[in-house]
Amino acid sequence: METRLTLADVHQQHGRNSAAGQVLVYRLEDVARPVSFPHQRRDFYKIKLLCSVQGILGYADQQVAVQDCALILANPLVAFSWERLAGHETGFACLFTEEFLPPALRPDGVAGSPLFRVGGSPVLFPAPAEVHRLSNLFAQLLAEAQSSYVNKNELLRNYLQIILHELLKLEPAAPFHRPGTSAARLSAAFLELLDRQFPIASPQHTLPLKNANEFAQHLAVHTNHLNKALKDVTGKTTTAHIAEKVAAEAKALLRHSDWTLAEIGYCLGFGHAPNFNSFFKKRTGQAPNQYRRQPVVVS
């Protein structure tokens, strides 16, 4: 059974800076690097500036040859593998959860960004000048992560936003392996369709597609076919993806709106408040009204 690496696991291995366990920044040369690791999914996003090494990066059903310097953009939906052929890794890595970014930076979710979209290329080859500029940004990001500045988490978000914009300027690398499979294309179409349903703008807006069958019908495929494609590519079922997005939107509405629990539940596809309460408690361990009453921790 495939294991999923969590950000908490990485913090235990070599964590030295943290924002409630939601971000980690480090130099690659400061941690032990294995020659290779098998395909493995994570529960976080990762931006890695990788230099001074040659190797093969595997993701989904594709492979990319890395020569000297590359930017690797890993997301929780796709498994990655690495085989070092020569040299020793230098550079930086920034690991973060989607929750670490403020809502303004993720209106469609990080997974909806061209940088992290399933079916896209997660490898960029920057020019030397771009490597220099990005190295400086990562160095500043690391320095702030290690500082005791009281508002450092807000500053980290700003640096991360700048880095993400810099990456959007770069052209993706072409894989030398076969093109994406139909499963990868179907998964990408589903995830894009799912992302487009959020955020919910008003209490009168309800989700147009609420379950696996409705998504499959919209994509003109059988429900089982969609579910298998998602399991093969992302390791999660259709229902699991929908539940994650619905739970995330429920949290946002409970925190940032004055809508009643009944209105929030209705918008998210729950005809009866007890069903919404049961769903939310199962996903978060808390009742919706308990979650709403919690004070917001400003970092």
Protein backbone atom coordinates (compact mmCIF):
# COMPACT_ATOMS: atom_id res chain seq x y z
CA MET A 1 0.00 0.00 0.00
CA GLU A 2 1.37 3.41 -0.97
CA THR A 3 2.26 5.65 1.97
CA ARG A 4 1.56 9.39 2.06
CA LEU A 5 4.27 11.66 3.43
CA THR A 6 2.87 14.38 5.67
CA LEU A 7 4.32 17.77 6.49
CA ALA A 8 4.37 16.67 10.14
CA ASP A 9 6.68 13.80 9.10
CA VAL A 10 9.08 16.23 7.46
CA HIS A 11 9.01 18.54 10.48
CA GLN A 12 9.98 15.59 12.66
CA GLN A 13 12.86 14.73 10.33
CA HIS A 14 14.47 18.16 10.08
CA GLY A 15 11.98 20.89 10.95
CA ARG A 16 13.57 24.06 12.26
CA ASN A 17 10.95 26.65 11.38
CA SER A 18 7.19 26.37 11.45
CA ALA A 19 3.92 28.24 11.13
CA ALA A 20 1.65 25.94 13.11
CA GLY A 21 3.04 23.07 11.02
CA GLN A 22 1.91 24.68 7.74
CA VAL A 23 5.23 25.70 6.18
CA LEU A 24 8.85 24.56 6.17
CA VAL A 25 11.85 26.13 4.39
CA TYR A 26 15.37 24.68 4.22
CA ARG A 27 18.55 24.41 2.15
CA LEU A 28 18.92 21.09 0.38
CA GLU A 29 22.58 20.80 1.34
CA ASP A 30 21.66 21.10 5.03
CA VAL A 31 19.73 17.82 5.10
CA ALA A 32 20.65 14.26 4.18
CA ARG A 33 19.54 13.48 0.63
CA PRO A 34 18.90 9.88 -0.50
CA VAL A 35 20.22 8.83 -3.90
CA SER A 36 16.68 7.87 -4.86
CA PHE A 37 13.18 7.53 -3.46
CA PRO A 38 10.16 5.66 -4.86
CA HIS A 39 6.88 7.14 -6.05
CA GLN A 40 5.30 8.81 -3.05
CA ARG A 41 2.43 11.23 -2.52
CA ARG A 42 2.44 14.03 0.03
CA ASP A 43 -0.18 16.02 1.90
CA PHE A 44 1.51 19.34 1.07
CA TYR A 45 2.79 21.44 -1.83
CA LYS A 46 6.52 21.70 -2.46
CA ILE A 47 8.63 24.13 -4.48
CA LYS A 48 12.20 22.97 -4.88
CA LEU A 49 15.07 24.84 -6.54
CA LEU A 50 17.39 21.95 -7.37
CA CYS A 51 20.95 22.56 -8.61
CA SER A 52 24.35 20.86 -9.04
CA VAL A 53 22.85 17.46 -9.80
CA GLN A 54 21.76 15.24 -12.66
CA GLY A 55 18.93 12.76 -12.31
CA ILE A 56 15.54 11.50 -13.40
CA LEU A 57 12.34 12.87 -11.89
CA GLY A 58 9.29 10.64 -12.24
CA TYR A 59 5.72 11.84 -11.82
CA ALA A 60 2.47 10.10 -12.69
CA ASP A 61 3.40 8.09 -15.81
CA GLN A 62 6.11 10.46 -17.07
CA GLN A 63 9.79 11.19 -16.56
CA VAL A 64 11.94 14.29 -16.98
CA ALA A 65 15.73 14.43 -17.16
CA VAL A 66 17.19 17.02 -14.77
CA GLN A 67 20.51 18.57 -15.77
CA ASP A 68 22.16 20.95 -13.30
CA CYS A 69 19.31 23.31 -12.25
CA ALA A 70 15.56 22.76 -12.20
CA LEU A 71 12.47 23.92 -10.36
CA ILE A 72 10.23 21.10 -9.17
CA LEU A 73 6.60 21.81 -8.25
CA ALA A 74 5.12 18.91 -6.29
CA ASN A 75 1.46 18.73 -5.28
CA PRO A 76 -0.48 16.33 -3.03
CA LEU A 77 -2.39 14.78 -5.92
CA VAL A 78 0.50 13.28 -7.89
CA ALA A 79 3.17 10.81 -6.75
CA PHE A 80 6.81 11.71 -7.45
CA SER A 81 10.02 9.68 -7.58
CA TRP A 82 13.67 10.71 -7.91
CA GLU A 83 16.87 8.97 -9.03
CA ARG A 84 20.16 10.85 -8.71
CA LEU A 85 22.66 10.02 -11.47
CA ALA A 86 25.53 12.42 -10.67
CA GLY A 87 26.40 15.32 -8.38
CA HIS A 88 24.93 16.35 -5.04
CA GLU A 89 21.78 18.39 -4.52
CA THR A 90 22.09 22.07 -3.61
CA GLY A 91 19.40 24.72 -3.53
CA PHE A 92 16.25 25.31 -1.51
CA ALA A 93 12.89 23.75 -0.74
CA CYS A 94 9.69 25.32 0.54
CA LEU A 95 6.91 23.02 1.74
CA PHE A 96 3.49 24.45 2.55
CA THR A 97 -0.14 23.50 2.97
CA GLU A 98 -2.96 25.16 1.04
CA GLU A 99 -4.25 26.49 4.37
CA PHE A 100 -1.02 28.45 4.85
CA LEU A 101 -1.88 30.78 1.99
CA PRO A 102 -4.51 33.47 2.68
CA PRO A 103 -7.80 33.14 0.74
CA ALA A 104 -6.85 36.05 -1.55
CA LEU A 105 -3.96 33.98 -2.93
CA ARG A 106 -6.03 30.87 -3.60
CA PRO A 107 -9.41 31.87 -5.02
CA ASP A 108 -9.51 28.67 -7.08
CA GLY A 109 -7.29 26.60 -4.81
CA VAL A 110 -3.57 26.04 -5.24
CA ALA A 111 -4.38 22.93 -7.28
CA GLY A 112 -6.13 25.22 -9.78
CA SER A 113 -2.95 27.18 -10.43
CA PRO A 114 -1.21 26.44 -13.74
CA LEU A 115 1.88 25.65 -11.66
CA PHE A 116 0.28 22.75 -9.79
CA ARG A 117 -2.49 21.56 -12.09
CA VAL A 118 -2.77 17.79 -12.51
CA GLY A 119 -1.74 16.88 -16.05
CA GLY A 120 0.64 19.84 -16.34
CA SER A 121 4.42 19.74 -16.20
CA PRO A 122 5.83 20.09 -12.66
CA VAL A 123 9.38 20.82 -13.85
CA LEU A 124 10.76 24.18 -14.99
CA PHE A 125 14.28 24.86 -16.26
CA PRO A 126 15.23 28.44 -15.33
CA ALA A 127 18.02 30.37 -17.05
CA PRO A 128 21.12 31.24 -14.96
CA ALA A 129 19.87 34.78 -14.29
CA GLU A 130 16.53 33.38 -13.13
CA VAL A 131 18.30 30.86 -10.88
CA HIS A 132 20.23 33.72 -9.28
CA ARG A 133 17.09 35.79 -8.72
CA LEU A 134 15.13 32.84 -7.31
CA SER A 135 18.04 31.81 -5.07
CA ASN A 136 18.01 35.28 -3.52
CA LEU A 137 14.26 35.07 -2.93
CA PHE A 138 14.54 31.63 -1.34
CA ALA A 139 17.42 32.85 0.84
CA GLN A 140 15.24 35.73 2.08
CA LEU A 141 12.36 33.31 2.65
CA LEU A 142 14.63 31.04 4.71
CA ALA A 143 16.05 33.94 6.73
CA GLU A 144 12.57 35.12 7.67
CA ALA A 145 11.44 31.57 8.49
CA GLN A 146 14.33 31.30 10.95
CA SER A 147 13.73 34.75 12.47
CA SER A 148 11.80 35.64 15.61
CA TYR A 149 9.87 38.47 13.95
CA VAL A 150 6.37 38.47 15.43
CA ASN A 151 4.64 38.83 12.04
CA LYS A 152 6.98 36.56 10.12
CA ASN A 153 4.23 34.26 8.84
CA GLU A 154 2.61 37.15 6.97
CA LEU A 155 6.01 38.02 5.54
CA LEU A 156 6.57 34.39 4.52
CA ARG A 157 3.27 34.44 2.64
CA ASN A 158 4.37 37.57 0.79
CA TYR A 159 7.71 36.06 -0.23
CA LEU A 160 5.97 32.87 -1.31
CA GLN A 161 3.54 34.88 -3.42
CA ILE A 162 6.47 36.63 -5.15
CA ILE A 163 8.15 33.28 -5.83
CA LEU A 164 4.93 31.86 -7.29
CA HIS A 165 4.60 34.87 -9.61
CA GLU A 166 8.22 34.46 -10.72
CA LEU A 167 7.55 30.81 -11.54
CA LEU A 168 4.52 31.71 -13.63
CA LYS A 169 6.86 33.63 -15.95
CA LEU A 170 8.84 30.49 -16.78
CA GLU A 171 8.04 28.00 -19.53
CA PRO A 172 7.39 24.39 -18.45
CA ALA A 173 9.80 21.64 -19.47
CA ALA A 174 8.61 19.01 -21.92
CA PRO A 175 8.70 15.41 -20.68
CA PHE A 176 10.68 12.95 -22.78
CA HIS A 177 8.33 10.11 -21.85
CA ARG A 178 4.95 9.39 -23.44
CA PRO A 179 2.27 12.10 -23.15
CA GLY A 180 -0.28 12.14 -20.37
CA THR A 181 -2.70 9.22 -20.23
CA SER A 182 -6.44 9.50 -20.64
CA ALA A 183 -6.70 8.95 -16.87
CA ALA A 184 -4.50 11.99 -16.24
CA ARG A 185 -6.53 14.12 -18.67
CA LEU A 186 -9.82 13.00 -17.13
CA SER A 187 -8.49 13.67 -13.63
CA ALA A 188 -7.37 17.16 -14.66
CA ALA A 189 -10.79 17.87 -16.19
CA PHE A 190 -12.55 16.71 -13.03
CA LEU A 191 -10.33 18.76 -10.71
CA GLU A 192 -10.80 21.88 -12.84
CA LEU A 193 -14.56 21.35 -12.85
CA LEU A 194 -14.54 20.84 -9.08
CA ASP A 195 -12.47 23.98 -8.47
CA ARG A 196 -14.81 26.10 -10.61
CA GLN A 197 -17.66 25.46 -8.18
CA PHE A 198 -15.93 27.47 -5.46
CA PRO A 199 -16.03 29.88 -3.73
CA ILE A 200 -19.76 30.21 -3.11
CA ALA A 201 -20.71 33.87 -3.45
CA SER A 202 -24.12 34.09 -1.75
CA PRO A 203 -26.58 32.08 0.35
CA GLN A 204 -28.74 31.73 -2.77
CA HIS A 205 -25.98 29.92 -4.66
CA THR A 206 -25.96 26.13 -4.43
CA LEU A 207 -23.42 23.70 -5.85
CA PRO A 208 -24.47 22.65 -9.37
CA LEU A 209 -22.66 19.29 -9.01
CA LYS A 210 -22.80 17.59 -5.63
CA ASN A 211 -21.73 13.96 -5.98
CA ALA A 212 -19.67 11.54 -8.03
CA ASN A 213 -22.56 10.56 -10.31
CA GLU A 214 -23.32 14.16 -11.25
CA PHE A 215 -19.66 14.90 -12.01
CA ALA A 216 -19.37 11.75 -14.13
CA GLN A 217 -22.50 12.64 -16.10
CA HIS A 218 -21.17 16.16 -16.74
CA LEU A 219 -17.87 14.68 -17.99
CA ALA A 220 -19.74 12.08 -20.09
CA VAL A 221 -18.08 9.07 -18.45
CA HIS A 222 -19.24 6.26 -16.19
CA THR A 223 -18.96 6.91 -12.47
CA ASN A 224 -16.70 3.89 -11.97
CA HIS A 225 -14.42 5.02 -14.81
CA LEU A 226 -13.99 8.47 -13.27
CA ASN A 227 -13.35 6.97 -9.85
CA LYS A 228 -10.69 4.58 -11.18
CA ALA A 229 -8.92 7.35 -13.11
CA LEU A 230 -8.75 9.54 -10.01
CA LYS A 231 -7.55 6.65 -7.85
CA ASP A 232 -4.80 5.81 -10.36
CA VAL A 233 -3.61 9.40 -10.77
CA THR A 234 -4.23 11.00 -7.38
CA GLY A 235 -4.71 8.11 -4.96
CA LYS A 236 -8.11 9.46 -3.88
CA THR A 237 -11.68 8.62 -4.87
CA THR A 238 -14.10 11.03 -6.51
CA THR A 239 -16.09 11.26 -3.29
CA ALA A 240 -12.96 12.01 -1.26
CA HIS A 241 -12.01 14.92 -3.54
CA ILE A 242 -15.52 16.37 -3.36
CA ALA A 243 -15.66 15.99 0.43
CA GLU A 244 -12.30 17.76 0.87
CA LYS A 245 -13.40 20.77 -1.18
CA VAL A 246 -16.80 20.95 0.50
CA ALA A 247 -15.19 20.78 3.96
CA ALA A 248 -12.69 23.51 3.04
CA GLU A 249 -15.46 25.77 1.75
CA ALA A 250 -17.52 25.09 4.88
CA LYS A 251 -14.59 26.19 7.04
CA ALA A 252 -14.16 29.38 5.01
CA LEU A 253 -17.85 30.26 5.22
CA LEU A 254 -18.00 29.56 8.95
CA ARG A 255 -14.97 31.77 9.52
CA HIS A 256 -15.60 34.60 7.07
CA SER A 257 -19.37 34.91 6.60
CA ASP A 258 -22.34 35.63 8.83
CA TRP A 259 -24.52 33.04 7.10
CA THR A 260 -26.50 30.71 9.32
CA LEU A 261 -25.50 27.06 9.61
CA ALA A 262 -28.64 26.13 7.69
CA GLU A 263 -27.71 28.49 4.84
CA ILE A 264 -24.16 27.16 4.66
CA GLY A 265 -25.35 23.56 4.69
CA TYR A 266 -27.94 24.27 1.98
CA CYS A 267 -25.38 25.96 -0.28
CA LEU A 268 -23.07 22.96 0.07
CA GLY A 269 -25.75 20.47 -0.90
CA PHE A 270 -27.10 19.39 2.47
CA GLY A 271 -30.89 19.56 2.54
CA HIS A 272 -31.04 19.06 6.29
CA ALA A 273 -28.89 20.75 8.94
CA PRO A 274 -28.20 17.50 10.86
CA ASN A 275 -26.61 16.02 7.73
CA PHE A 276 -24.29 19.01 7.41
CA ASN A 277 -23.42 18.85 11.11
CA SER A 278 -22.62 15.14 10.84
CA PHE A 279 -20.47 15.65 7.72
CA PHE A 280 -18.50 18.55 9.19
CA LYS A 281 -17.87 16.80 12.50
CA LYS A 282 -16.69 13.66 10.71
CA ARG A 283 -14.24 15.69 8.61
CA THR A 284 -12.93 18.03 11.32
CA GLY A 285 -13.73 16.47 14.68
CA GLN A 286 -15.79 19.53 15.62
CA ALA A 287 -19.39 20.63 15.24
CA PRO A 288 -19.82 23.63 12.87
CA ASN A 289 -20.94 26.01 15.63
CA GLN A 290 -17.99 24.93 17.78
CA TYR A 291 -15.57 25.61 14.91
CA ARG A 292 -17.16 29.02 14.27
CA ARG A 293 -16.78 30.06 17.93
CA GLN A 294 -13.07 29.30 18.00
CA PRO A 295 -10.90 32.43 18.06
CA VAL A 296 -8.93 33.05 14.89
CA VAL A 297 -5.20 32.82 15.56
CA VAL A 298 -3.40 35.66 13.78
CA SER A 299 0.23 34.78 13.11
